[in-house]
Every structure is written in C-alpha cells, then in structure tokens.
Amino acid sequence: MTTKADLGLHYRQATGRTIAACRAERGLSLRGLADSSELSLAYLSELERGQKEPSGSTLEQLAHAFELPLADLLRLIADRIEEQSAPPEISIEGLGRDEIGELSRFAQWLRWKKEQPG
C-alpha cells in the first residue's frame, strides 16, 4: 500500500531528477543555476537529492532559469513521475505454459489482494 509519505518522496525524487537533468542539459553548474534562479546553492542541492519539496514560486524561478514555461517544467516532472511508476517489464521468454499460467494466477491474486479492505 502506498502511503502519503511514499507519494511525497516519489514526487521529491522525480522533481530533483528533473531539475538535475535540466541543469545538465544546459551545461549549468549548481552554482550557475543558483545564480540564475536566485536560489541558494545548498537549497538546490537538497532539491536535486529529493530532500526538499519546492514551492510553486521556487518552480517558477527554476523554469525561468531554464528558459522554460512553468507548464513545460511541470510536464517534465510529471513525465518523470510516470517513468518511475511504470511497472517493470517482465519477460516470459523461455517459460513453459504451466509457468506462464502460474504467473497469470499470481497476478490475479495480487489484483484481488489489492482490492481487499485494510
């Protein structure tokens, strides 16, 4: 079961990775981003490591520093969240019919279990 804390961590990590990727794509150092965004170096470091959750105004400052509309930065963060949420790819190559059937039954059980209260 996903908790509120898990969701917050997931969001912070996706946001941090997005900020780091945008900074790297533009060839900016952390100091350069701090200067252009008017945010502290320490705060940006914490953001990139997923330790802080940025406010809306912080995201606006970062979008401006990246020369992006805020909506584009938010879209990049959303895309990263979806990437992190994607189910793992499972290969059934080399499995027999019985093994594939067992995986299917297990998946059905997991879906059933997830729907159960408490």
PDB file of N, CA and C in Angstrom:
ATOM      1  N   MET A   1       0.847  -1.182   0.000  1.00  0.00           N
ATOM      2  CA  MET A   1       0.000   0.000   0.000  1.00  0.00           C
ATOM      3  C   MET A   1       0.890   1.243   0.000  1.00  0.00           C
ATOM      4  N   THR A   2       0.578   2.187  -0.861  1.00  0.00           N
ATOM      5  CA  THR A   2       1.350   3.416  -0.964  1.00  0.00           C
ATOM      6  C   THR A   2       0.855   4.407   0.080  1.00  0.00           C
ATOM      7  N   THR A   3       1.774   4.943   0.868  1.00  0.00           N
ATOM      8  CA  THR A   3       1.408   5.910   1.896  1.00  0.00           C
ATOM      9  C   THR A   3       1.610   7.326   1.374  1.00  0.00           C
ATOM     10  N   LYS A   4       1.091   8.280   2.117  1.00  0.00           N
ATOM     11  CA  LYS A   4       1.259   9.688   1.769  1.00  0.00           C
ATOM     12  C   LYS A   4       2.748  10.055   1.763  1.00  0.00           C
ATOM     13  N   ALA A   5       3.501   9.501   2.704  1.00  0.00           N
ATOM     14  CA  ALA A   5       4.945   9.762   2.762  1.00  0.00           C
ATOM     15  C   ALA A   5       5.641   9.215   1.516  1.00  0.00           C
ATOM     16  N   ASP A   6       5.214   8.021   1.065  1.00  0.00           N
ATOM     17  CA  ASP A   6       5.789   7.436  -0.147  1.00  0.00           C
ATOM     18  C   ASP A   6       5.535   8.333  -1.353  1.00  0.00           C
ATOM     19  N   LEU A   7       4.322   8.860  -1.448  1.00  0.00           N
ATOM     20  CA  LEU A   7       3.978   9.728  -2.567  1.00  0.00           C
ATOM     21  C   LEU A   7       4.801  11.004  -2.539  1.00  0.00           C
ATOM     22  N   GLY A   8       5.003  11.562  -1.347  1.00  0.00           N
ATOM     23  CA  GLY A   8       5.820  12.768  -1.216  1.00  0.00           C
ATOM     24  C   GLY A   8       7.254  12.518  -1.635  1.00  0.00           C
ATOM     25  N   LEU A   9       7.801  11.394  -1.197  1.00  0.00           N
ATOM     26  CA  LEU A   9       9.168  11.042  -1.568  1.00  0.00           C
ATOM     27  C   LEU A   9       9.270  10.827  -3.072  1.00  0.00           C
ATOM     28  N   HIS A  10       8.297  10.155  -3.632  1.00  0.00           N
ATOM     29  CA  HIS A  10       8.266   9.895  -5.077  1.00  0.00           C
ATOM     30  C   HIS A  10       8.265  11.212  -5.859  1.00  0.00           C
ATOM     31  N   TYR A  11       7.430  12.152  -5.414  1.00  0.00           N
ATOM     32  CA  TYR A  11       7.357  13.467  -6.060  1.00  0.00           C
ATOM     33  C   TYR A  11       8.680  14.222  -5.918  1.00  0.00           C
ATOM     34  N   ARG A  12       9.241  14.230  -4.701  1.00  0.00           N
ATOM     35  CA  ARG A  12      10.503  14.947  -4.481  1.00  0.00           C
ATOM     36  C   ARG A  12      11.632  14.362  -5.322  1.00  0.00           C
ATOM     37  N   GLN A  13      11.694  13.046  -5.406  1.00  0.00           N
ATOM     38  CA  GLN A  13      12.743  12.409  -6.204  1.00  0.00           C
ATOM     39  C   GLN A  13      12.574  12.732  -7.691  1.00  0.00           C
ATOM     40  N   ALA A  14      11.355  12.674  -8.185  1.00  0.00           N
ATOM     41  CA  ALA A  14      11.105  12.988  -9.598  1.00  0.00           C
ATOM     42  C   ALA A  14      11.445  14.449  -9.887  1.00  0.00           C
ATOM     43  N   THR A  15      11.084  15.327  -8.971  1.00  0.00           N
ATOM     44  CA  THR A  15      11.382  16.743  -9.143  1.00  0.00           C
ATOM     45  C   THR A  15      12.888  16.972  -9.140  1.00  0.00           C
ATOM     46  N   GLY A  16      13.576  16.365  -8.199  1.00  0.00           N
ATOM     47  CA  GLY A  16      15.025  16.513  -8.112  1.00  0.00           C
ATOM     48  C   GLY A  16      15.740  16.000  -9.348  1.00  0.00           C
ATOM     49  N   ARG A  17      15.327  14.846  -9.831  1.00  0.00           N
ATOM     50  CA  ARG A  17      15.953  14.289 -11.041  1.00  0.00           C
ATOM     51  C   ARG A  17      15.687  15.173 -12.255  1.00  0.00           C
ATOM     52  N   THR A  18      14.498  15.738 -12.313  1.00  0.00           N
ATOM     53  CA  THR A  18      14.159  16.627 -13.429  1.00  0.00           C
ATOM     54  C   THR A  18      15.004  17.888 -13.388  1.00  0.00           C
ATOM     55  N   ILE A  19      15.151  18.464 -12.215  1.00  0.00           N
ATOM     56  CA  ILE A  19      15.973  19.677 -12.075  1.00  0.00           C
ATOM     57  C   ILE A  19      17.415  19.371 -12.466  1.00  0.00           C
ATOM     58  N   ALA A  20      17.936  18.265 -11.975  1.00  0.00           N
ATOM     59  CA  ALA A  20      19.320  17.891 -12.294  1.00  0.00           C
ATOM     60  C   ALA A  20      19.490  17.657 -13.798  1.00  0.00           C
ATOM     61  N   ALA A  21      18.505  17.010 -14.423  1.00  0.00           N
ATOM     62  CA  ALA A  21      18.585  16.742 -15.862  1.00  0.00           C
ATOM     63  C   ALA A  21      18.524  18.044 -16.662  1.00  0.00           C
ATOM     64  N   CYS A  22      17.625  18.937 -16.288  1.00  0.00           N
ATOM     65  CA  CYS A  22      17.519  20.231 -16.987  1.00  0.00           C
ATOM     66  C   CYS A  22      18.808  21.028 -16.838  1.00  0.00           C
ATOM     67  N   ARG A  23      19.373  20.988 -15.658  1.00  0.00           N
ATOM     68  CA  ARG A  23      20.625  21.711 -15.411  1.00  0.00           C
ATOM     69  C   ARG A  23      21.748  21.120 -16.265  1.00  0.00           C
ATOM     70  N   ALA A  24      21.850  19.797 -16.302  1.00  0.00           N
ATOM     71  CA  ALA A  24      22.902  19.135 -17.079  1.00  0.00           C
ATOM     72  C   ALA A  24      22.737  19.392 -18.580  1.00  0.00           C
ATOM     73  N   GLU A  25      21.494  19.360 -19.067  1.00  0.00           N
ATOM     74  CA  GLU A  25      21.233  19.607 -20.489  1.00  0.00           C
ATOM     75  C   GLU A  25      21.687  21.000 -20.911  1.00  0.00           C
ATOM     76  N   ARG A  26      21.652  21.917 -19.980  1.00  0.00           N
ATOM     77  CA  ARG A  26      22.036  23.297 -20.278  1.00  0.00           C
ATOM     78  C   ARG A  26      23.485  23.587 -19.920  1.00  0.00           C
ATOM     79  N   GLY A  27      24.180  22.574 -19.432  1.00  0.00           N
ATOM     80  CA  GLY A  27      25.585  22.748 -19.088  1.00  0.00           C
ATOM     81  C   GLY A  27      25.807  23.680 -17.908  1.00  0.00           C
ATOM     82  N   LEU A  28      24.831  23.750 -17.028  1.00  0.00           N
ATOM     83  CA  LEU A  28      24.930  24.638 -15.864  1.00  0.00           C
ATOM     84  C   LEU A  28      25.513  23.889 -14.676  1.00  0.00           C
ATOM     85  N   SER A  29      26.368  24.541 -13.954  1.00  0.00           N
ATOM     86  CA  SER A  29      26.818  24.007 -12.669  1.00  0.00           C
ATOM     87  C   SER A  29      25.727  24.322 -11.650  1.00  0.00           C
ATOM     88  N   LEU A  30      25.840  23.713 -10.499  1.00  0.00           N
ATOM     89  CA  LEU A  30      24.893  24.025  -9.438  1.00  0.00           C
ATOM     90  C   LEU A  30      25.006  25.507  -9.061  1.00  0.00           C
ATOM     91  N   ARG A  31      26.236  26.013  -9.044  1.00  0.00           N
ATOM     92  CA  ARG A  31      26.460  27.433  -8.747  1.00  0.00           C
ATOM     93  C   ARG A  31      25.805  28.311  -9.822  1.00  0.00           C
ATOM     94  N   GLY A  32      25.954  27.925 -11.089  1.00  0.00           N
ATOM     95  CA  GLY A  32      25.351  28.690 -12.185  1.00  0.00           C
ATOM     96  C   GLY A  32      23.838  28.728 -12.078  1.00  0.00           C
ATOM     97  N   LEU A  33      23.245  27.587 -11.711  1.00  0.00           N
ATOM     98  CA  LEU A  33      21.794  27.553 -11.539  1.00  0.00           C
ATOM     99  C   LEU A  33      21.388  28.394 -10.329  1.00  0.00           C
ATOM    100  N   ALA A  34      22.175  28.343  -9.277  1.00  0.00           N
ATOM    101  CA  ALA A  34      21.878  29.164  -8.091  1.00  0.00           C
ATOM    102  C   ALA A  34      21.877  30.644  -8.462  1.00  0.00           C
ATOM    103  N   ASP A  35      22.863  31.048  -9.240  1.00  0.00           N
ATOM    104  CA  ASP A  35      22.948  32.454  -9.654  1.00  0.00           C
ATOM    105  C   ASP A  35      21.761  32.851 -10.530  1.00  0.00           C
ATOM    106  N   SER A  36      21.423  32.008 -11.507  1.00  0.00           N
ATOM    107  CA  SER A  36      20.360  32.393 -12.450  1.00  0.00           C
ATOM    108  C   SER A  36      18.956  32.252 -11.857  1.00  0.00           C
ATOM    109  N   SER A  37      18.801  31.386 -10.861  1.00  0.00           N
ATOM    110  CA  SER A  37      17.472  31.195 -10.263  1.00  0.00           C
ATOM    111  C   SER A  37      17.278  32.018  -8.997  1.00  0.00           C
ATOM    112  N   GLU A  38      18.384  32.579  -8.474  1.00  0.00           N
ATOM    113  CA  GLU A  38      18.364  33.313  -7.216  1.00  0.00           C
ATOM    114  C   GLU A  38      17.937  32.426  -6.040  1.00  0.00           C
ATOM    115  N   LEU A  39      18.275  31.135  -6.137  1.00  0.00           N
ATOM    116  CA  LEU A  39      18.053  30.189  -5.047  1.00  0.00           C
ATOM    117  C   LEU A  39      19.417  29.799  -4.494  1.00  0.00           C
ATOM    118  N   SER A  40      19.455  29.421  -3.239  1.00  0.00           N
ATOM    119  CA  SER A  40      20.758  29.107  -2.642  1.00  0.00           C
ATOM    120  C   SER A  40      21.301  27.785  -3.176  1.00  0.00           C
ATOM    121  N   LEU A  41      22.596  27.713  -3.210  1.00  0.00           N
ATOM    122  CA  LEU A  41      23.291  26.510  -3.653  1.00  0.00           C
ATOM    123  C   LEU A  41      22.896  25.315  -2.794  1.00  0.00           C
ATOM    124  N   ALA A  42      22.859  25.495  -1.491  1.00  0.00           N
ATOM    125  CA  ALA A  42      22.502  24.407  -0.571  1.00  0.00           C
ATOM    126  C   ALA A  42      21.078  23.925  -0.819  1.00  0.00           C
ATOM    127  N   TYR A  43      20.150  24.871  -1.017  1.00  0.00           N
ATOM    128  CA  TYR A  43      18.749  24.507  -1.261  1.00  0.00           C
ATOM    129  C   TYR A  43      18.614  23.741  -2.566  1.00  0.00           C
ATOM    130  N   LEU A  44      19.292  24.196  -3.617  1.00  0.00           N
ATOM    131  CA  LEU A  44      19.233  23.492  -4.900  1.00  0.00           C
ATOM    132  C   LEU A  44      19.797  22.082  -4.775  1.00  0.00           C
ATOM    133  N   SER A  45      20.854  21.938  -4.028  1.00  0.00           N
ATOM    134  CA  SER A  45      21.441  20.614  -3.807  1.00  0.00           C
ATOM    135  C   SER A  45      20.436  19.696  -3.115  1.00  0.00           C
ATOM    136  N   GLU A  46      19.751  20.229  -2.106  1.00  0.00           N
ATOM    137  CA  GLU A  46      18.729  19.434  -1.410  1.00  0.00           C
ATOM    138  C   GLU A  46      17.567  19.086  -2.330  1.00  0.00           C
ATOM    139  N   LEU A  47      17.178  20.030  -3.193  1.00  0.00           N
ATOM    140  CA  LEU A  47      16.112  19.753  -4.164  1.00  0.00           C
ATOM    141  C   LEU A  47      16.516  18.611  -5.092  1.00  0.00           C
ATOM    142  N   GLU A  48      17.725  18.695  -5.644  1.00  0.00           N
ATOM    143  CA  GLU A  48      18.176  17.677  -6.593  1.00  0.00           C
ATOM    144  C   GLU A  48      18.290  16.299  -5.944  1.00  0.00           C
ATOM    145  N   ARG A  49      18.567  16.259  -4.653  1.00  0.00           N
ATOM    146  CA  ARG A  49      18.681  14.983  -3.945  1.00  0.00           C
ATOM    147  C   ARG A  49      17.334  14.499  -3.405  1.00  0.00           C
ATOM    148  N   GLY A  50      16.263  15.244  -3.691  1.00  0.00           N
ATOM    149  CA  GLY A  50      14.926  14.834  -3.261  1.00  0.00           C
ATOM    150  C   GLY A  50      14.668  15.026  -1.783  1.00  0.00           C
ATOM    151  N   GLN A  51      15.437  15.900  -1.144  1.00  0.00           N
ATOM    152  CA  GLN A  51      15.275  16.123   0.289  1.00  0.00           C
ATOM    153  C   GLN A  51      14.312  17.252   0.616  1.00  0.00           C
ATOM    154  N   LYS A  52      14.052  18.112  -0.348  1.00  0.00           N
ATOM    155  CA  LYS A  52      13.140  19.242  -0.150  1.00  0.00           C
ATOM    156  C   LYS A  52      12.059  19.202  -1.211  1.00  0.00           C
ATOM    157  N   GLU A  53      10.898  19.728  -0.856  1.00  0.00           N
ATOM    158  CA  GLU A  53       9.782  19.833  -1.799  1.00  0.00           C
ATOM    159  C   GLU A  53       9.633  21.305  -2.181  1.00  0.00           C
ATOM    160  N   PRO A  54       9.815  21.622  -3.463  1.00  0.00           N
ATOM    161  CA  PRO A  54       9.781  23.031  -3.863  1.00  0.00           C
ATOM    162  C   PRO A  54       8.370  23.610  -3.866  1.00  0.00           C
ATOM    163  N   SER A  55       8.300  24.883  -3.553  1.00  0.00           N
ATOM    164  CA  SER A  55       7.026  25.598  -3.630  1.00  0.00           C
ATOM    165  C   SER A  55       6.755  25.957  -5.094  1.00  0.00           C
ATOM    166  N   GLY A  56       5.572  26.444  -5.339  1.00  0.00           N
ATOM    167  CA  GLY A  56       5.228  26.900  -6.683  1.00  0.00           C
ATOM    168  C   GLY A  56       6.131  28.023  -7.155  1.00  0.00           C
ATOM    169  N   SER A  57       6.448  28.952  -6.255  1.00  0.00           N
ATOM    170  CA  SER A  57       7.310  30.064  -6.660  1.00  0.00           C
ATOM    171  C   SER A  57       8.732  29.580  -6.945  1.00  0.00           C
ATOM    172  N   THR A  58       9.197  28.575  -6.221  1.00  0.00           N
ATOM    173  CA  THR A  58      10.519  28.000  -6.499  1.00  0.00           C
ATOM    174  C   THR A  58      10.529  27.360  -7.881  1.00  0.00           C
ATOM    175  N   LEU A  59       9.463  26.629  -8.209  1.00  0.00           N
ATOM    176  CA  LEU A  59       9.389  26.013  -9.537  1.00  0.00           C
ATOM    177  C   LEU A  59       9.351  27.075 -10.629  1.00  0.00           C
ATOM    178  N   GLU A  60       8.680  28.201 -10.356  1.00  0.00           N
ATOM    179  CA  GLU A  60       8.668  29.306 -11.323  1.00  0.00           C
ATOM    180  C   GLU A  60      10.065  29.874 -11.521  1.00  0.00           C
ATOM    181  N   GLN A  61      10.803  30.042 -10.426  1.00  0.00           N
ATOM    182  CA  GLN A  61      12.171  30.551 -10.535  1.00  0.00           C
ATOM    183  C   GLN A  61      13.051  29.596 -11.338  1.00  0.00           C
ATOM    184  N   LEU A  62      12.883  28.302 -11.112  1.00  0.00           N
ATOM    185  CA  LEU A  62      13.673  27.317 -11.848  1.00  0.00           C
ATOM    186  C   LEU A  62      13.290  27.305 -13.322  1.00  0.00           C
ATOM    187  N   ALA A  63      12.000  27.355 -13.607  1.00  0.00           N
ATOM    188  CA  ALA A  63      11.552  27.376 -15.002  1.00  0.00           C
ATOM    189  C   ALA A  63      12.144  28.591 -15.714  1.00  0.00           C
ATOM    190  N   HIS A  64      12.126  29.726 -15.062  1.00  0.00           N
ATOM    191  CA  HIS A  64      12.699  30.939 -15.645  1.00  0.00           C
ATOM    192  C   HIS A  64      14.197  30.759 -15.900  1.00  0.00           C
ATOM    193  N   ALA A  65      14.893  30.185 -14.936  1.00  0.00           N
ATOM    194  CA  ALA A  65      16.340  29.961 -15.086  1.00  0.00           C
ATOM    195  C   ALA A  65      16.639  28.994 -16.235  1.00  0.00           C
ATOM    196  N   PHE A  66      15.734  28.030 -16.455  1.00  0.00           N
ATOM    197  CA  PHE A  66      15.903  27.067 -17.549  1.00  0.00           C
ATOM    198  C   PHE A  66      15.352  27.593 -18.878  1.00  0.00           C
ATOM    199  N   GLU A  67      14.795  28.804 -18.833  1.00  0.00           N
ATOM    200  CA  GLU A  67      14.167  29.421 -20.001  1.00  0.00           C
ATOM    201  C   GLU A  67      13.060  28.519 -20.555  1.00  0.00           C
ATOM    202  N   LEU A  68      12.241  28.047 -19.626  1.00  0.00           N
ATOM    203  CA  LEU A  68      11.098  27.195 -19.953  1.00  0.00           C
ATOM    204  C   LEU A  68       9.826  27.818 -19.387  1.00  0.00           C
ATOM    205  N   PRO A  69       8.703  27.633 -20.065  1.00  0.00           N
ATOM    206  CA  PRO A  69       7.440  27.978 -19.411  1.00  0.00           C
ATOM    207  C   PRO A  69       7.243  27.045 -18.208  1.00  0.00           C
ATOM    208  N   LEU A  70       6.627  27.529 -17.156  1.00  0.00           N
ATOM    209  CA  LEU A  70       6.385  26.713 -15.972  1.00  0.00           C
ATOM    210  C   LEU A  70       5.649  25.424 -16.342  1.00  0.00           C
ATOM    211  N   ALA A  71       4.684  25.519 -17.237  1.00  0.00           N
ATOM    212  CA  ALA A  71       3.922  24.330 -17.641  1.00  0.00           C
ATOM    213  C   ALA A  71       4.837  23.252 -18.223  1.00  0.00           C
ATOM    214  N   ASP A  72       5.863  23.659 -18.962  1.00  0.00           N
ATOM    215  CA  ASP A  72       6.789  22.682 -19.532  1.00  0.00           C
ATOM    216  C   ASP A  72       7.612  21.994 -18.451  1.00  0.00           C
ATOM    217  N   LEU A  73       8.059  22.764 -17.461  1.00  0.00           N
ATOM    218  CA  LEU A  73       8.812  22.165 -16.361  1.00  0.00           C
ATOM    219  C   LEU A  73       7.923  21.183 -15.598  1.00  0.00           C
ATOM    220  N   LEU A  74       6.690  21.573 -15.340  1.00  0.00           N
ATOM    221  CA  LEU A  74       5.769  20.684 -14.639  1.00  0.00           C
ATOM    222  C   LEU A  74       5.491  19.416 -15.445  1.00  0.00           C
ATOM    223  N   ARG A  75       5.413  19.549 -16.764  1.00  0.00           N
ATOM    224  CA  ARG A  75       5.209  18.393 -17.635  1.00  0.00           C
ATOM    225  C   ARG A  75       6.400  17.435 -17.553  1.00  0.00           C
ATOM    226  N   LEU A  76       7.612  18.000 -17.525  1.00  0.00           N
ATOM    227  CA  LEU A  76       8.810  17.171 -17.399  1.00  0.00           C
ATOM    228  C   LEU A  76       8.815  16.412 -16.071  1.00  0.00           C
ATOM    229  N   ILE A  77       8.393  17.081 -15.012  1.00  0.00           N
ATOM    230  CA  ILE A  77       8.310  16.419 -13.705  1.00  0.00           C
ATOM    231  C   ILE A  77       7.259  15.312 -13.753  1.00  0.00           C
ATOM    232  N   ALA A  78       6.106  15.613 -14.339  1.00  0.00           N
ATOM    233  CA  ALA A  78       5.038  14.609 -14.450  1.00  0.00           C
ATOM    234  C   ALA A  78       5.503  13.398 -15.259  1.00  0.00           C
ATOM    235  N   ASP A  79       6.229  13.650 -16.337  1.00  0.00           N
ATOM    236  CA  ASP A  79       6.749  12.548 -17.149  1.00  0.00           C
ATOM    237  C   ASP A  79       7.686  11.667 -16.329  1.00  0.00           C
ATOM    238  N   ARG A  80       8.523  12.292 -15.522  1.00  0.00           N
ATOM    239  CA  ARG A  80       9.463  11.532 -14.695  1.00  0.00           C
ATOM    240  C   ARG A  80       8.712  10.723 -13.641  1.00  0.00           C
ATOM    241  N   ILE A  81       7.646  11.280 -13.082  1.00  0.00           N
ATOM    242  CA  ILE A  81       6.827  10.540 -12.113  1.00  0.00           C
ATOM    243  C   ILE A  81       6.239   9.305 -12.785  1.00  0.00           C
ATOM    244  N   GLU A  82       5.729   9.473 -13.991  1.00  0.00           N
ATOM    245  CA  GLU A  82       5.155   8.338 -14.713  1.00  0.00           C
ATOM    246  C   GLU A  82       6.211   7.288 -15.030  1.00  0.00           C
ATOM    247  N   GLU A  83       7.420   7.721 -15.386  1.00  0.00           N
ATOM    248  CA  GLU A  83       8.510   6.780 -15.653  1.00  0.00           C
ATOM    249  C   GLU A  83       8.795   5.942 -14.408  1.00  0.00           C
ATOM    250  N   GLN A  84       8.819   6.597 -13.252  1.00  0.00           N
ATOM    251  CA  GLN A  84       9.114   5.897 -12.007  1.00  0.00           C
ATOM    252  C   GLN A  84       7.977   4.962 -11.604  1.00  0.00           C
ATOM    253  N   SER A  85       6.760   5.264 -12.069  1.00  0.00           N
ATOM    254  CA  SER A  85       5.594   4.469 -11.692  1.00  0.00           C
ATOM    255  C   SER A  85       5.337   3.315 -12.642  1.00  0.00           C
ATOM    256  N   ALA A  86       6.020   3.295 -13.763  1.00  0.00           N
ATOM    257  CA  ALA A  86       5.769   2.254 -14.761  1.00  0.00           C
ATOM    258  C   ALA A  86       6.087   0.878 -14.184  1.00  0.00           C
ATOM    259  N   PRO A  87       5.223  -0.084 -14.465  1.00  0.00           N
ATOM    260  CA  PRO A  87       5.511  -1.428 -13.975  1.00  0.00           C
ATOM    261  C   PRO A  87       6.740  -1.991 -14.672  1.00  0.00           C
ATOM    262  N   PRO A  88       7.460  -2.855 -13.997  1.00  0.00           N
ATOM    263  CA  PRO A  88       8.656  -3.430 -14.615  1.00  0.00           C
ATOM    264  C   PRO A  88       8.291  -4.319 -15.793  1.00  0.00           C
ATOM    265  N   GLU A  89       9.165  -4.358 -16.762  1.00  0.00           N
ATOM    266  CA  GLU A  89       8.989  -5.258 -17.899  1.00  0.00           C
ATOM    267  C   GLU A  89       9.309  -6.673 -17.431  1.00  0.00           C
ATOM    268  N   ILE A  90       8.427  -7.606 -17.725  1.00  0.00           N
ATOM    269  CA  ILE A  90       8.649  -8.992 -17.341  1.00  0.00           C
ATOM    270  C   ILE A  90       8.697  -9.834 -18.604  1.00  0.00           C
ATOM    271  N   SER A  91       9.773 -10.540 -18.752  1.00  0.00           N
ATOM    272  CA  SER A  91       9.941 -11.405 -19.916  1.00  0.00           C
ATOM    273  C   SER A  91       9.436 -12.808 -19.581  1.00  0.00           C
ATOM    274  N   ILE A  92       8.615 -13.348 -20.466  1.00  0.00           N
ATOM    275  CA  ILE A  92       8.151 -14.723 -20.274  1.00  0.00           C
ATOM    276  C   ILE A  92       8.874 -15.676 -21.233  1.00  0.00           C
ATOM    277  N   GLU A  93       9.871 -15.115 -21.911  1.00  0.00           N
ATOM    278  CA  GLU A  93      10.649 -15.923 -22.848  1.00  0.00           C
ATOM    279  C   GLU A  93      11.298 -17.086 -22.100  1.00  0.00           C
ATOM    280  N   GLY A  94      11.149 -18.262 -22.646  1.00  0.00           N
ATOM    281  CA  GLY A  94      11.756 -19.452 -22.054  1.00  0.00           C
ATOM    282  C   GLY A  94      10.899 -20.119 -20.990  1.00  0.00           C
ATOM    283  N   LEU A  95       9.765 -19.509 -20.646  1.00  0.00           N
ATOM    284  CA  LEU A  95       8.880 -20.135 -19.662  1.00  0.00           C
ATOM    285  C   LEU A  95       7.909 -21.077 -20.358  1.00  0.00           C
ATOM    286  N   GLY A  96       7.579 -22.144 -19.677  1.00  0.00           N
ATOM    287  CA  GLY A  96       6.609 -23.093 -20.207  1.00  0.00           C
ATOM    288  C   GLY A  96       5.192 -22.618 -19.974  1.00  0.00           C
ATOM    289  N   ARG A  97       4.260 -23.305 -20.589  1.00  0.00           N
ATOM    290  CA  ARG A  97       2.832 -22.968 -20.476  1.00  0.00           C
ATOM    291  C   ARG A  97       2.380 -22.976 -19.018  1.00  0.00           C
ATOM    292  N   ASP A  98       2.809 -23.971 -18.251  1.00  0.00           N
ATOM    293  CA  ASP A  98       2.417 -24.066 -16.839  1.00  0.00           C
ATOM    294  C   ASP A  98       2.964 -22.883 -16.037  1.00  0.00           C
ATOM    295  N   GLU A  99       4.200 -22.493 -16.307  1.00  0.00           N
ATOM    296  CA  GLU A  99       4.808 -21.368 -15.590  1.00  0.00           C
ATOM    297  C   GLU A  99       4.101 -20.057 -15.928  1.00  0.00           C
ATOM    298  N   ILE A 100       3.742 -19.874 -17.172  1.00  0.00           N
ATOM    299  CA  ILE A 100       3.010 -18.669 -17.578  1.00  0.00           C
ATOM    300  C   ILE A 100       1.639 -18.656 -16.909  1.00  0.00           C
ATOM    301  N   GLY A 101       0.987 -19.803 -16.839  1.00  0.00           N
ATOM    302  CA  GLY A 101      -0.299 -19.904 -16.156  1.00  0.00           C
ATOM    303  C   GLY A 101      -0.176 -19.540 -14.683  1.00  0.00           C
ATOM    304  N   GLU A 102       0.905 -20.005 -14.056  1.00  0.00           N
ATOM    305  CA  GLU A 102       1.138 -19.698 -12.639  1.00  0.00           C
ATOM    306  C   GLU A 102       1.343 -18.192 -12.442  1.00  0.00           C
ATOM    307  N   LEU A 103       2.100 -17.562 -13.338  1.00  0.00           N
ATOM    308  CA  LEU A 103       2.282 -16.101 -13.262  1.00  0.00           C
ATOM    309  C   LEU A 103       0.947 -15.379 -13.405  1.00  0.00           C
ATOM    310  N   SER A 104       0.117 -15.849 -14.304  1.00  0.00           N
ATOM    311  CA  SER A 104      -1.197 -15.240 -14.515  1.00  0.00           C
ATOM    312  C   SER A 104      -2.058 -15.367 -13.263  1.00  0.00           C
ATOM    313  N   ARG A 105      -2.070 -16.546 -12.651  1.00  0.00           N
ATOM    314  CA  ARG A 105      -2.849 -16.748 -11.422  1.00  0.00           C
ATOM    315  C   ARG A 105      -2.317 -15.856 -10.292  1.00  0.00           C
ATOM    316  N   PHE A 106      -1.019 -15.721 -10.209  1.00  0.00           N
ATOM    317  CA  PHE A 106      -0.422 -14.862  -9.178  1.00  0.00           C
ATOM    318  C   PHE A 106      -0.821 -13.404  -9.407  1.00  0.00           C
ATOM    319  N   ALA A 107      -0.806 -12.964 -10.665  1.00  0.00           N
ATOM    320  CA  ALA A 107      -1.202 -11.588 -10.982  1.00  0.00           C
ATOM    321  C   ALA A 107      -2.664 -11.356 -10.613  1.00  0.00           C
ATOM    322  N   GLN A 108      -3.514 -12.324 -10.867  1.00  0.00           N
ATOM    323  CA  GLN A 108      -4.927 -12.204 -10.494  1.00  0.00           C
ATOM    324  C   GLN A 108      -5.066 -12.103  -8.974  1.00  0.00           C
ATOM    325  N   TRP A 109      -4.302 -12.923  -8.264  1.00  0.00           N
ATOM    326  CA  TRP A 109      -4.340 -12.882  -6.806  1.00  0.00           C
ATOM    327  C   TRP A 109      -3.878 -11.520  -6.298  1.00  0.00           C
ATOM    328  N   LEU A 110      -2.809 -10.964  -6.883  1.00  0.00           N
ATOM    329  CA  LEU A 110      -2.322  -9.646  -6.471  1.00  0.00           C
ATOM    330  C   LEU A 110      -3.386  -8.573  -6.678  1.00  0.00           C
ATOM    331  N   ARG A 111      -4.078  -8.624  -7.823  1.00  0.00           N
ATOM    332  CA  ARG A 111      -5.156  -7.655  -8.073  1.00  0.00           C
ATOM    333  C   ARG A 111      -6.263  -7.805  -7.043  1.00  0.00           C
ATOM    334  N   TRP A 112      -6.635  -9.055  -6.741  1.00  0.00           N
ATOM    335  CA  TRP A 112      -7.662  -9.309  -5.739  1.00  0.00           C
ATOM    336  C   TRP A 112      -7.217  -8.778  -4.378  1.00  0.00           C
ATOM    337  N   LYS A 113      -5.982  -9.081  -3.991  1.00  0.00           N
ATOM    338  CA  LYS A 113      -5.442  -8.664  -2.691  1.00  0.00           C
ATOM    339  C   LYS A 113      -5.436  -7.136  -2.560  1.00  0.00           C
ATOM    340  N   LYS A 114      -5.099  -6.463  -3.645  1.00  0.00           N
ATOM    341  CA  LYS A 114      -5.043  -5.006  -3.634  1.00  0.00           C
ATOM    342  C   LYS A 114      -6.423  -4.386  -3.390  1.00  0.00           C
ATOM    343  N   GLU A 115      -7.462  -5.064  -3.828  1.00  0.00           N
ATOM    344  CA  GLU A 115      -8.831  -4.553  -3.691  1.00  0.00           C
ATOM    345  C   GLU A 115      -9.436  -4.811  -2.322  1.00  0.00           C
ATOM    346  N   GLN A 116      -8.792  -5.658  -1.521  1.00  0.00           N
ATOM    347  CA  GLN A 116      -9.330  -6.011  -0.213  1.00  0.00           C
ATOM    348  C   GLN A 116      -9.162  -4.861   0.781  1.00  0.00           C
ATOM    349  N   PRO A 117     -10.168  -4.615   1.618  1.00  0.00           N
ATOM    350  CA  PRO A 117     -10.051  -3.543   2.614  1.00  0.00           C
ATOM    351  C   PRO A 117      -9.020  -3.899   3.688  1.00  0.00           C
ATOM    352  N   GLY A 118      -8.370  -2.822   4.159  1.00  0.00           N
ATOM    353  CA  GLY A 118      -7.422  -2.953   5.267  1.00  0.00           C
ATOM    354  C   GLY A 118      -6.262  -3.739   4.929  1.00  0.00           C
TER     355      GLY A 118
END
